[in-house]
Amino acid sequence: SLIRQAENAWEVIFRIVDSTDIEKLKEKEQVLMEQL
């Protein structure tokens, strides 16, 4: 659920990745928005 996004000399940054189920819901939302 995390992906390594960036790092520097002192820190490492991880970003949260949406699950497959959430990605499907986002696609559904996009279709509805286009219809709207």
PDB file of all heavy atoms in Angstrom:
ATOM      1  N   SER A   1       0.826  -1.215   0.000  1.00  0.00           N
ATOM      2  CA  SER A   1       0.000   0.000   0.000  1.00  0.00           C
ATOM      3  C   SER A   1       0.862   1.267   0.000  1.00  0.00           C
ATOM      4  O   SER A   1       0.330   2.373  -0.012  1.00  0.00           O
ATOM      5  CB  SER A   1      -0.930   0.016   1.216  1.00  0.00           C
ATOM      6  OG  SER A   1      -0.187  -0.052   2.414  1.00  0.00           O
ATOM      7  N   LEU A   2       2.181   1.092  -0.012  1.00  0.00           N
ATOM      8  CA  LEU A   2       3.092   2.232  -0.073  1.00  0.00           C
ATOM      9  C   LEU A   2       4.026   2.075  -1.262  1.00  0.00           C
ATOM     10  O   LEU A   2       4.353   0.957  -1.653  1.00  0.00           O
ATOM     11  CB  LEU A   2       3.926   2.327   1.212  1.00  0.00           C
ATOM     12  CG  LEU A   2       3.181   2.564   2.532  1.00  0.00           C
ATOM     13  CD1 LEU A   2       4.161   2.604   3.694  1.00  0.00           C
ATOM     14  CD2 LEU A   2       2.367   3.851   2.496  1.00  0.00           C
ATOM     15  N   ILE A   3       4.459   3.189  -1.780  1.00  0.00           N
ATOM     16  CA  ILE A   3       5.434   3.187  -2.870  1.00  0.00           C
ATOM     17  C   ILE A   3       6.511   4.210  -2.547  1.00  0.00           C
ATOM     18  O   ILE A   3       6.223   5.310  -2.073  1.00  0.00           O
ATOM     19  CB  ILE A   3       4.760   3.491  -4.226  1.00  0.00           C
ATOM     20  CG1 ILE A   3       5.792   3.338  -5.345  1.00  0.00           C
ATOM     21  CG2 ILE A   3       4.161   4.900  -4.250  1.00  0.00           C
ATOM     22  CD1 ILE A   3       5.169   3.413  -6.732  1.00  0.00           C
ATOM     23  N   ARG A   4       7.794   3.791  -2.750  1.00  0.00           N
ATOM     24  CA  ARG A   4       8.915   4.683  -2.503  1.00  0.00           C
ATOM     25  C   ARG A   4       8.894   5.793  -3.558  1.00  0.00           C
ATOM     26  O   ARG A   4       9.021   5.540  -4.751  1.00  0.00           O
ATOM     27  CB  ARG A   4      10.213   3.880  -2.582  1.00  0.00           C
ATOM     28  CG  ARG A   4      11.434   4.559  -1.972  1.00  0.00           C
ATOM     29  CD  ARG A   4      12.647   3.658  -2.171  1.00  0.00           C
ATOM     30  NE  ARG A   4      13.831   4.174  -1.508  1.00  0.00           N
ATOM     31  CZ  ARG A   4      14.318   3.696  -0.369  1.00  0.00           C
ATOM     32  NH1 ARG A   4      13.694   2.686   0.247  1.00  0.00           N
ATOM     33  NH2 ARG A   4      15.417   4.208   0.159  1.00  0.00           N
ATOM     34  N   GLN A   5       8.771   7.027  -3.097  1.00  0.00           N
ATOM     35  CA  GLN A   5       8.567   8.150  -4.027  1.00  0.00           C
ATOM     36  C   GLN A   5       9.819   8.987  -4.232  1.00  0.00           C
ATOM     37  O   GLN A   5      10.131   9.371  -5.363  1.00  0.00           O
ATOM     38  CB  GLN A   5       7.438   9.059  -3.505  1.00  0.00           C
ATOM     39  CG  GLN A   5       7.135  10.254  -4.400  1.00  0.00           C
ATOM     40  CD  GLN A   5       5.880  10.974  -3.971  1.00  0.00           C
ATOM     41  OE1 GLN A   5       4.776  10.544  -4.301  1.00  0.00           O
ATOM     42  NE2 GLN A   5       6.041  12.039  -3.222  1.00  0.00           N
ATOM     43  N   ALA A   6      10.568   9.249  -3.151  1.00  0.00           N
ATOM     44  CA  ALA A   6      11.756  10.088  -3.273  1.00  0.00           C
ATOM     45  C   ALA A   6      12.628   9.914  -2.047  1.00  0.00           C
ATOM     46  O   ALA A   6      12.190   9.373  -1.022  1.00  0.00           O
ATOM     47  CB  ALA A   6      11.350  11.557  -3.424  1.00  0.00           C
ATOM     48  N   GLU A   7      13.879  10.329  -2.172  1.00  0.00           N
ATOM     49  CA  GLU A   7      14.769  10.311  -1.023  1.00  0.00           C
ATOM     50  C   GLU A   7      15.868  11.331  -1.213  1.00  0.00           C
ATOM     51  O   GLU A   7      16.124  11.803  -2.319  1.00  0.00           O
ATOM     52  CB  GLU A   7      15.375   8.926  -0.841  1.00  0.00           C
ATOM     53  CG  GLU A   7      16.273   8.454  -1.986  1.00  0.00           C
ATOM     54  CD  GLU A   7      16.838   7.078  -1.718  1.00  0.00           C
ATOM     55  OE1 GLU A   7      17.824   6.996  -0.958  1.00  0.00           O
ATOM     56  OE2 GLU A   7      16.289   6.101  -2.278  1.00  0.00           O
ATOM     57  N   ASN A   8      16.488  11.733  -0.090  1.00  0.00           N
ATOM     58  CA  ASN A   8      17.626  12.638  -0.120  1.00  0.00           C
ATOM     59  C   ASN A   8      18.695  12.098   0.835  1.00  0.00           C
ATOM     60  O   ASN A   8      18.628  10.923   1.232  1.00  0.00           O
ATOM     61  CB  ASN A   8      17.204  14.064   0.239  1.00  0.00           C
ATOM     62  CG  ASN A   8      16.469  14.133   1.566  1.00  0.00           C
ATOM     63  OD1 ASN A   8      16.842  13.457   2.535  1.00  0.00           O
ATOM     64  ND2 ASN A   8      15.424  14.963   1.630  1.00  0.00           N
ATOM     65  N   ALA A   9      19.622  12.884   1.228  1.00  0.00           N
ATOM     66  CA  ALA A   9      20.723  12.391   2.059  1.00  0.00           C
ATOM     67  C   ALA A   9      20.277  11.987   3.454  1.00  0.00           C
ATOM     68  O   ALA A   9      20.973  11.218   4.145  1.00  0.00           O
ATOM     69  CB  ALA A   9      21.825  13.451   2.147  1.00  0.00           C
ATOM     70  N   TRP A  10      19.088  12.474   3.868  1.00  0.00           N
ATOM     71  CA  TRP A  10      18.675  12.238   5.266  1.00  0.00           C
ATOM     72  C   TRP A  10      17.356  11.460   5.378  1.00  0.00           C
ATOM     73  O   TRP A  10      17.112  10.793   6.355  1.00  0.00           O
ATOM     74  CB  TRP A  10      18.473  13.581   5.991  1.00  0.00           C
ATOM     75  CG  TRP A  10      19.699  14.424   5.956  1.00  0.00           C
ATOM     76  CD1 TRP A  10      20.762  14.357   6.786  1.00  0.00           C
ATOM     77  CD2 TRP A  10      19.973  15.459   5.017  1.00  0.00           C
ATOM     78  NE1 TRP A  10      21.701  15.291   6.447  1.00  0.00           N
ATOM     79  CE2 TRP A  10      21.248  15.996   5.349  1.00  0.00           C
ATOM     80  CE3 TRP A  10      19.291  15.998   3.919  1.00  0.00           C
ATOM     81  CZ2 TRP A  10      21.839  17.028   4.633  1.00  0.00           C
ATOM     82  CZ3 TRP A  10      19.878  17.025   3.223  1.00  0.00           C
ATOM     83  CH2 TRP A  10      21.148  17.529   3.568  1.00  0.00           C
ATOM     84  N   GLU A  11      16.473  11.571   4.333  1.00  0.00           N
ATOM     85  CA  GLU A  11      15.117  11.027   4.476  1.00  0.00           C
ATOM     86  C   GLU A  11      14.730  10.189   3.262  1.00  0.00           C
ATOM     87  O   GLU A  11      15.283  10.351   2.168  1.00  0.00           O
ATOM     88  CB  GLU A  11      14.112  12.159   4.628  1.00  0.00           C
ATOM     89  CG  GLU A  11      14.322  13.039   5.846  1.00  0.00           C
ATOM     90  CD  GLU A  11      13.403  14.245   5.835  1.00  0.00           C
ATOM     91  OE1 GLU A  11      13.074  14.730   4.723  1.00  0.00           O
ATOM     92  OE2 GLU A  11      13.016  14.696   6.926  1.00  0.00           O
ATOM     93  N   VAL A  12      13.727   9.318   3.519  1.00  0.00           N
ATOM     94  CA  VAL A  12      13.079   8.564   2.438  1.00  0.00           C
ATOM     95  C   VAL A  12      11.580   8.835   2.534  1.00  0.00           C
ATOM     96  O   VAL A  12      11.004   8.803   3.627  1.00  0.00           O
ATOM     97  CB  VAL A  12      13.363   7.051   2.544  1.00  0.00           C
ATOM     98  CG1 VAL A  12      12.666   6.296   1.403  1.00  0.00           C
ATOM     99  CG2 VAL A  12      14.860   6.779   2.514  1.00  0.00           C
ATOM    100  N   ILE A  13      10.953   9.125   1.374  1.00  0.00           N
ATOM    101  CA  ILE A  13       9.525   9.472   1.347  1.00  0.00           C
ATOM    102  C   ILE A  13       8.759   8.355   0.650  1.00  0.00           C
ATOM    103  O   ILE A  13       9.094   7.952  -0.472  1.00  0.00           O
ATOM    104  CB  ILE A  13       9.302  10.803   0.610  1.00  0.00           C
ATOM    105  CG1 ILE A  13      10.115  11.925   1.284  1.00  0.00           C
ATOM    106  CG2 ILE A  13       7.820  11.168   0.591  1.00  0.00           C
ATOM    107  CD1 ILE A  13      10.115  13.225   0.499  1.00  0.00           C
ATOM    108  N   PHE A  14       7.676   7.898   1.321  1.00  0.00           N
ATOM    109  CA  PHE A  14       6.767   6.893   0.761  1.00  0.00           C
ATOM    110  C   PHE A  14       5.389   7.527   0.581  1.00  0.00           C
ATOM    111  O   PHE A  14       4.926   8.283   1.452  1.00  0.00           O
ATOM    112  CB  PHE A  14       6.664   5.676   1.697  1.00  0.00           C
ATOM    113  CG  PHE A  14       7.886   4.809   1.703  1.00  0.00           C
ATOM    114  CD1 PHE A  14       8.983   5.114   2.502  1.00  0.00           C
ATOM    115  CD2 PHE A  14       7.945   3.678   0.893  1.00  0.00           C
ATOM    116  CE1 PHE A  14      10.112   4.309   2.505  1.00  0.00           C
ATOM    117  CE2 PHE A  14       9.083   2.874   0.895  1.00  0.00           C
ATOM    118  CZ  PHE A  14      10.157   3.192   1.699  1.00  0.00           C
ATOM    119  N   ARG A  15       4.754   7.171  -0.534  1.00  0.00           N
ATOM    120  CA  ARG A  15       3.408   7.666  -0.809  1.00  0.00           C
ATOM    121  C   ARG A  15       2.421   6.514  -0.745  1.00  0.00           C
ATOM    122  O   ARG A  15       2.725   5.400  -1.194  1.00  0.00           O
ATOM    123  CB  ARG A  15       3.358   8.313  -2.189  1.00  0.00           C
ATOM    124  CG  ARG A  15       1.965   8.820  -2.600  1.00  0.00           C
ATOM    125  CD  ARG A  15       2.047   9.579  -3.916  1.00  0.00           C
ATOM    126  NE  ARG A  15       2.674   8.782  -4.972  1.00  0.00           N
ATOM    127  CZ  ARG A  15       2.015   7.881  -5.709  1.00  0.00           C
ATOM    128  NH1 ARG A  15       0.729   7.625  -5.477  1.00  0.00           N
ATOM    129  NH2 ARG A  15       2.658   7.205  -6.657  1.00  0.00           N
ATOM    130  N   ILE A  16       1.210   6.810  -0.202  1.00  0.00           N
ATOM    131  CA  ILE A  16       0.165   5.788  -0.115  1.00  0.00           C
ATOM    132  C   ILE A  16      -0.390   5.522  -1.504  1.00  0.00           C
ATOM    133  O   ILE A  16      -0.668   6.434  -2.270  1.00  0.00           O
ATOM    134  CB  ILE A  16      -0.965   6.232   0.826  1.00  0.00           C
ATOM    135  CG1 ILE A  16      -0.428   6.393   2.249  1.00  0.00           C
ATOM    136  CG2 ILE A  16      -2.126   5.250   0.801  1.00  0.00           C
ATOM    137  CD1 ILE A  16      -1.444   6.940   3.214  1.00  0.00           C
ATOM    138  N   VAL A  17      -0.576   4.251  -1.810  1.00  0.00           N
ATOM    139  CA  VAL A  17      -1.136   3.831  -3.095  1.00  0.00           C
ATOM    140  C   VAL A  17      -2.548   3.304  -2.862  1.00  0.00           C
ATOM    141  O   VAL A  17      -2.783   2.471  -1.970  1.00  0.00           O
ATOM    142  CB  VAL A  17      -0.268   2.732  -3.737  1.00  0.00           C
ATOM    143  CG1 VAL A  17      -0.877   2.282  -5.068  1.00  0.00           C
ATOM    144  CG2 VAL A  17       1.149   3.227  -3.941  1.00  0.00           C
ATOM    145  N   ASP A  18      -3.508   3.853  -3.666  1.00  0.00           N
ATOM    146  CA  ASP A  18      -4.876   3.354  -3.541  1.00  0.00           C
ATOM    147  C   ASP A  18      -4.944   1.885  -3.943  1.00  0.00           C
ATOM    148  O   ASP A  18      -4.249   1.440  -4.871  1.00  0.00           O
ATOM    149  CB  ASP A  18      -5.826   4.176  -4.418  1.00  0.00           C
ATOM    150  CG  ASP A  18      -6.105   5.561  -3.842  1.00  0.00           C
ATOM    151  OD1 ASP A  18      -6.036   5.703  -2.600  1.00  0.00           O
ATOM    152  OD2 ASP A  18      -6.406   6.486  -4.625  1.00  0.00           O
ATOM    153  N   SER A  19      -5.844   1.184  -3.281  1.00  0.00           N
ATOM    154  CA  SER A  19      -6.043  -0.234  -3.598  1.00  0.00           C
ATOM    155  C   SER A  19      -6.727  -0.384  -4.945  1.00  0.00           C
ATOM    156  O   SER A  19      -7.262   0.575  -5.512  1.00  0.00           O
ATOM    157  CB  SER A  19      -6.887  -0.895  -2.511  1.00  0.00           C
ATOM    158  OG  SER A  19      -8.203  -0.347  -2.536  1.00  0.00           O
ATOM    159  N   THR A  20      -6.733  -1.608  -5.448  1.00  0.00           N
ATOM    160  CA  THR A  20      -7.401  -1.884  -6.730  1.00  0.00           C
ATOM    161  C   THR A  20      -8.873  -1.533  -6.667  1.00  0.00           C
ATOM    162  O   THR A  20      -9.442  -0.971  -7.620  1.00  0.00           O
ATOM    163  CB  THR A  20      -7.235  -3.372  -7.098  1.00  0.00           C
ATOM    164  OG1 THR A  20      -5.831  -3.693  -7.144  1.00  0.00           O
ATOM    165  CG2 THR A  20      -7.864  -3.668  -8.446  1.00  0.00           C
ATOM    166  N   ASP A  21      -9.512  -1.860  -5.529  1.00  0.00           N
ATOM    167  CA  ASP A  21     -10.941  -1.551  -5.381  1.00  0.00           C
ATOM    168  C   ASP A  21     -11.190  -0.037  -5.421  1.00  0.00           C
ATOM    169  O   ASP A  21     -12.163   0.428  -6.037  1.00  0.00           O
ATOM    170  CB  ASP A  21     -11.458  -2.131  -4.066  1.00  0.00           C
ATOM    171  CG  ASP A  21     -11.511  -3.658  -4.080  1.00  0.00           C
ATOM    172  OD1 ASP A  21     -11.554  -4.225  -5.202  1.00  0.00           O
ATOM    173  OD2 ASP A  21     -11.497  -4.260  -2.995  1.00  0.00           O
ATOM    174  N   ILE A  22     -10.304   0.725  -4.768  1.00  0.00           N
ATOM    175  CA  ILE A  22     -10.468   2.186  -4.787  1.00  0.00           C
ATOM    176  C   ILE A  22     -10.253   2.728  -6.204  1.00  0.00           C
ATOM    177  O   ILE A  22     -10.981   3.616  -6.660  1.00  0.00           O
ATOM    178  CB  ILE A  22      -9.499   2.849  -3.789  1.00  0.00           C
ATOM    179  CG1 ILE A  22      -9.889   2.513  -2.353  1.00  0.00           C
ATOM    180  CG2 ILE A  22      -9.465   4.369  -3.993  1.00  0.00           C
ATOM    181  CD1 ILE A  22      -8.954   3.057  -1.300  1.00  0.00           C
ATOM    182  N   GLU A  23      -9.271   2.169  -6.932  1.00  0.00           N
ATOM    183  CA  GLU A  23      -9.019   2.617  -8.297  1.00  0.00           C
ATOM    184  C   GLU A  23     -10.226   2.376  -9.185  1.00  0.00           C
ATOM    185  O   GLU A  23     -10.572   3.209 -10.033  1.00  0.00           O
ATOM    186  CB  GLU A  23      -7.791   1.910  -8.868  1.00  0.00           C
ATOM    187  CG  GLU A  23      -6.464   2.352  -8.273  1.00  0.00           C
ATOM    188  CD  GLU A  23      -6.134   3.788  -8.608  1.00  0.00           C
ATOM    189  OE1 GLU A  23      -6.703   4.331  -9.583  1.00  0.00           O
ATOM    190  OE2 GLU A  23      -5.311   4.388  -7.894  1.00  0.00           O
ATOM    191  N   LYS A  24     -10.891   1.254  -8.984  1.00  0.00           N
ATOM    192  CA  LYS A  24     -12.103   0.968  -9.775  1.00  0.00           C
ATOM    193  C   LYS A  24     -13.205   1.969  -9.462  1.00  0.00           C
ATOM    194  O   LYS A  24     -13.926   2.422 -10.356  1.00  0.00           O
ATOM    195  CB  LYS A  24     -12.570  -0.455  -9.495  1.00  0.00           C
ATOM    196  CG  LYS A  24     -11.657  -1.539 -10.078  1.00  0.00           C
ATOM    197  CD  LYS A  24     -12.197  -2.928  -9.752  1.00  0.00           C
ATOM    198  CE  LYS A  24     -11.314  -4.011 -10.356  1.00  0.00           C
ATOM    199  NZ  LYS A  24     -11.799  -5.372 -10.037  1.00  0.00           N
ATOM    200  N   LEU A  25     -13.325   2.319  -8.158  1.00  0.00           N
ATOM    201  CA  LEU A  25     -14.341   3.306  -7.778  1.00  0.00           C
ATOM    202  C   LEU A  25     -14.011   4.689  -8.375  1.00  0.00           C
ATOM    203  O   LEU A  25     -14.914   5.428  -8.788  1.00  0.00           O
ATOM    204  CB  LEU A  25     -14.437   3.408  -6.255  1.00  0.00           C
ATOM    205  CG  LEU A  25     -15.103   2.218  -5.548  1.00  0.00           C
ATOM    206  CD1 LEU A  25     -14.967   2.338  -4.040  1.00  0.00           C
ATOM    207  CD2 LEU A  25     -16.594   2.149  -5.929  1.00  0.00           C
ATOM    208  N   LYS A  26     -12.750   5.022  -8.427  1.00  0.00           N
ATOM    209  CA  LYS A  26     -12.351   6.306  -9.016  1.00  0.00           C
ATOM    210  C   LYS A  26     -12.673   6.346 -10.510  1.00  0.00           C
ATOM    211  O   LYS A  26     -13.094   7.386 -11.044  1.00  0.00           O
ATOM    212  CB  LYS A  26     -10.856   6.535  -8.787  1.00  0.00           C
ATOM    213  CG  LYS A  26     -10.521   6.904  -7.335  1.00  0.00           C
ATOM    214  CD  LYS A  26      -9.038   6.799  -7.044  1.00  0.00           C
ATOM    215  CE  LYS A  26      -8.218   7.780  -7.828  1.00  0.00           C
ATOM    216  NZ  LYS A  26      -6.788   7.708  -7.467  1.00  0.00           N
ATOM    217  N   GLU A  27     -12.489   5.223 -11.177  1.00  0.00           N
ATOM    218  CA  GLU A  27     -12.847   5.159 -12.596  1.00  0.00           C
ATOM    219  C   GLU A  27     -14.353   5.327 -12.777  1.00  0.00           C
ATOM    220  O   GLU A  27     -14.809   6.010 -13.703  1.00  0.00           O
ATOM    221  CB  GLU A  27     -12.391   3.835 -13.188  1.00  0.00           C
ATOM    222  CG  GLU A  27     -10.878   3.692 -13.290  1.00  0.00           C
ATOM    223  CD  GLU A  27     -10.463   2.311 -13.768  1.00  0.00           C
ATOM    224  OE1 GLU A  27     -11.365   1.489 -14.046  1.00  0.00           O
ATOM    225  OE2 GLU A  27      -9.245   2.048 -13.874  1.00  0.00           O
ATOM    226  N   LYS A  28     -15.099   4.718 -11.881  1.00  0.00           N
ATOM    227  CA  LYS A  28     -16.566   4.856 -11.941  1.00  0.00           C
ATOM    228  C   LYS A  28     -16.977   6.301 -11.702  1.00  0.00           C
ATOM    229  O   LYS A  28     -17.871   6.836 -12.381  1.00  0.00           O
ATOM    230  CB  LYS A  28     -17.191   3.940 -10.890  1.00  0.00           C
ATOM    231  CG  LYS A  28     -18.717   3.954 -10.910  1.00  0.00           C
ATOM    232  CD  LYS A  28     -19.280   2.970  -9.886  1.00  0.00           C
ATOM    233  CE  LYS A  28     -20.810   2.975  -9.921  1.00  0.00           C
ATOM    234  NZ  LYS A  28     -21.383   2.032  -8.932  1.00  0.00           N
ATOM    235  N   GLU A  29     -16.311   6.944 -10.740  1.00  0.00           N
ATOM    236  CA  GLU A  29     -16.608   8.354 -10.461  1.00  0.00           C
ATOM    237  C   GLU A  29     -16.316   9.213 -11.679  1.00  0.00           C
ATOM    238  O   GLU A  29     -17.086  10.133 -12.014  1.00  0.00           O
ATOM    239  CB  GLU A  29     -15.766   8.831  -9.269  1.00  0.00           C
ATOM    240  CG  GLU A  29     -15.995  10.298  -8.926  1.00  0.00           C
ATOM    241  CD  GLU A  29     -14.996  10.836  -7.927  1.00  0.00           C
ATOM    242  OE1 GLU A  29     -13.942  10.212  -7.716  1.00  0.00           O
ATOM    243  OE2 GLU A  29     -15.259  11.927  -7.367  1.00  0.00           O
ATOM    244  N   GLN A  30     -15.228   8.942 -12.389  1.00  0.00           N
ATOM    245  CA  GLN A  30     -14.863   9.718 -13.566  1.00  0.00           C
ATOM    246  C   GLN A  30     -15.922   9.594 -14.661  1.00  0.00           C
ATOM    247  O   GLN A  30     -16.294  10.584 -15.302  1.00  0.00           O
ATOM    248  CB  GLN A  30     -13.503   9.250 -14.095  1.00  0.00           C
ATOM    249  CG  GLN A  30     -12.994   9.995 -15.317  1.00  0.00           C
ATOM    250  CD  GLN A  30     -12.765  11.468 -15.045  1.00  0.00           C
ATOM    251  OE1 GLN A  30     -12.420  11.846 -13.923  1.00  0.00           O
ATOM    252  NE2 GLN A  30     -12.989  12.299 -16.058  1.00  0.00           N
ATOM    253  N   VAL A  31     -16.430   8.395 -14.854  1.00  0.00           N
ATOM    254  CA  VAL A  31     -17.488   8.182 -15.854  1.00  0.00           C
ATOM    255  C   VAL A  31     -18.732   8.972 -15.483  1.00  0.00           C
ATOM    256  O   VAL A  31     -19.357   9.625 -16.330  1.00  0.00           O
ATOM    257  CB  VAL A  31     -17.806   6.679 -15.978  1.00  0.00           C
ATOM    258  CG1 VAL A  31     -19.046   6.464 -16.846  1.00  0.00           C
ATOM    259  CG2 VAL A  31     -16.620   5.919 -16.557  1.00  0.00           C
ATOM    260  N   LEU A  32     -19.122   8.895 -14.202  1.00  0.00           N
ATOM    261  CA  LEU A  32     -20.300   9.637 -13.737  1.00  0.00           C
ATOM    262  C   LEU A  32     -20.108  11.148 -13.918  1.00  0.00           C
ATOM    263  O   LEU A  32     -21.041  11.863 -14.322  1.00  0.00           O
ATOM    264  CB  LEU A  32     -20.586   9.318 -12.275  1.00  0.00           C
ATOM    265  CG  LEU A  32     -21.098   7.899 -11.977  1.00  0.00           C
ATOM    266  CD1 LEU A  32     -21.124   7.640 -10.470  1.00  0.00           C
ATOM    267  CD2 LEU A  32     -22.501   7.701 -12.562  1.00  0.00           C
ATOM    268  N   MET A  33     -18.892  11.650 -13.631  1.00  0.00           N
ATOM    269  CA  MET A  33     -18.616  13.070 -13.776  1.00  0.00           C
ATOM    270  C   MET A  33     -18.718  13.516 -15.230  1.00  0.00           C
ATOM    271  O   MET A  33     -19.234  14.596 -15.535  1.00  0.00           O
ATOM    272  CB  MET A  33     -17.224  13.387 -13.233  1.00  0.00           C
ATOM    273  CG  MET A  33     -17.125  13.380 -11.713  1.00  0.00           C
ATOM    274  SD  MET A  33     -18.148  14.671 -10.960  1.00  0.00           S
ATOM    275  CE  MET A  33     -17.393  16.136 -11.649  1.00  0.00           C
ATOM    276  N   GLU A  34     -18.247  12.678 -16.142  1.00  0.00           N
ATOM    277  CA  GLU A  34     -18.344  13.010 -17.564  1.00  0.00           C
ATOM    278  C   GLU A  34     -19.799  13.054 -18.006  1.00  0.00           C
ATOM    279  O   GLU A  34     -20.199  13.931 -18.785  1.00  0.00           O
ATOM    280  CB  GLU A  34     -17.561  11.998 -18.390  1.00  0.00           C
ATOM    281  CG  GLU A  34     -16.050  12.110 -18.201  1.00  0.00           C
ATOM    282  CD  GLU A  34     -15.298  11.003 -18.891  1.00  0.00           C
ATOM    283  OE1 GLU A  34     -15.969  10.107 -19.479  1.00  0.00           O
ATOM    284  OE2 GLU A  34     -14.053  10.999 -18.866  1.00  0.00           O
ATOM    285  N   GLN A  35     -20.597  12.113 -17.501  1.00  0.00           N
ATOM    286  CA  GLN A  35     -22.030  12.124 -17.817  1.00  0.00           C
ATOM    287  C   GLN A  35     -22.707  13.374 -17.245  1.00  0.00           C
ATOM    288  O   GLN A  35     -23.548  14.001 -17.901  1.00  0.00           O
ATOM    289  CB  GLN A  35     -22.691  10.863 -17.264  1.00  0.00           C
ATOM    290  CG  GLN A  35     -22.233   9.579 -17.940  1.00  0.00           C
ATOM    291  CD  GLN A  35     -22.807   8.342 -17.279  1.00  0.00           C
ATOM    292  OE1 GLN A  35     -23.453   8.427 -16.226  1.00  0.00           O
ATOM    293  NE2 GLN A  35     -22.569   7.181 -17.883  1.00  0.00           N
ATOM    294  N   LEU A  36     -22.301  13.748 -16.023  1.00  0.00           N
ATOM    295  CA  LEU A  36     -22.873  14.938 -15.381  1.00  0.00           C
ATOM    296  C   LEU A  36     -22.501  16.199 -16.151  1.00  0.00           C
ATOM    297  O   LEU A  36     -23.353  17.084 -16.375  1.00  0.00           O
ATOM    298  CB  LEU A  36     -22.379  15.023 -13.934  1.00  0.00           C
ATOM    299  CG  LEU A  36     -22.873  16.219 -13.108  1.00  0.00           C
ATOM    300  CD1 LEU A  36     -24.387  16.225 -12.995  1.00  0.00           C
ATOM    301  CD2 LEU A  36     -22.224  16.213 -11.719  1.00  0.00           C
TER     302      LEU A  36
END
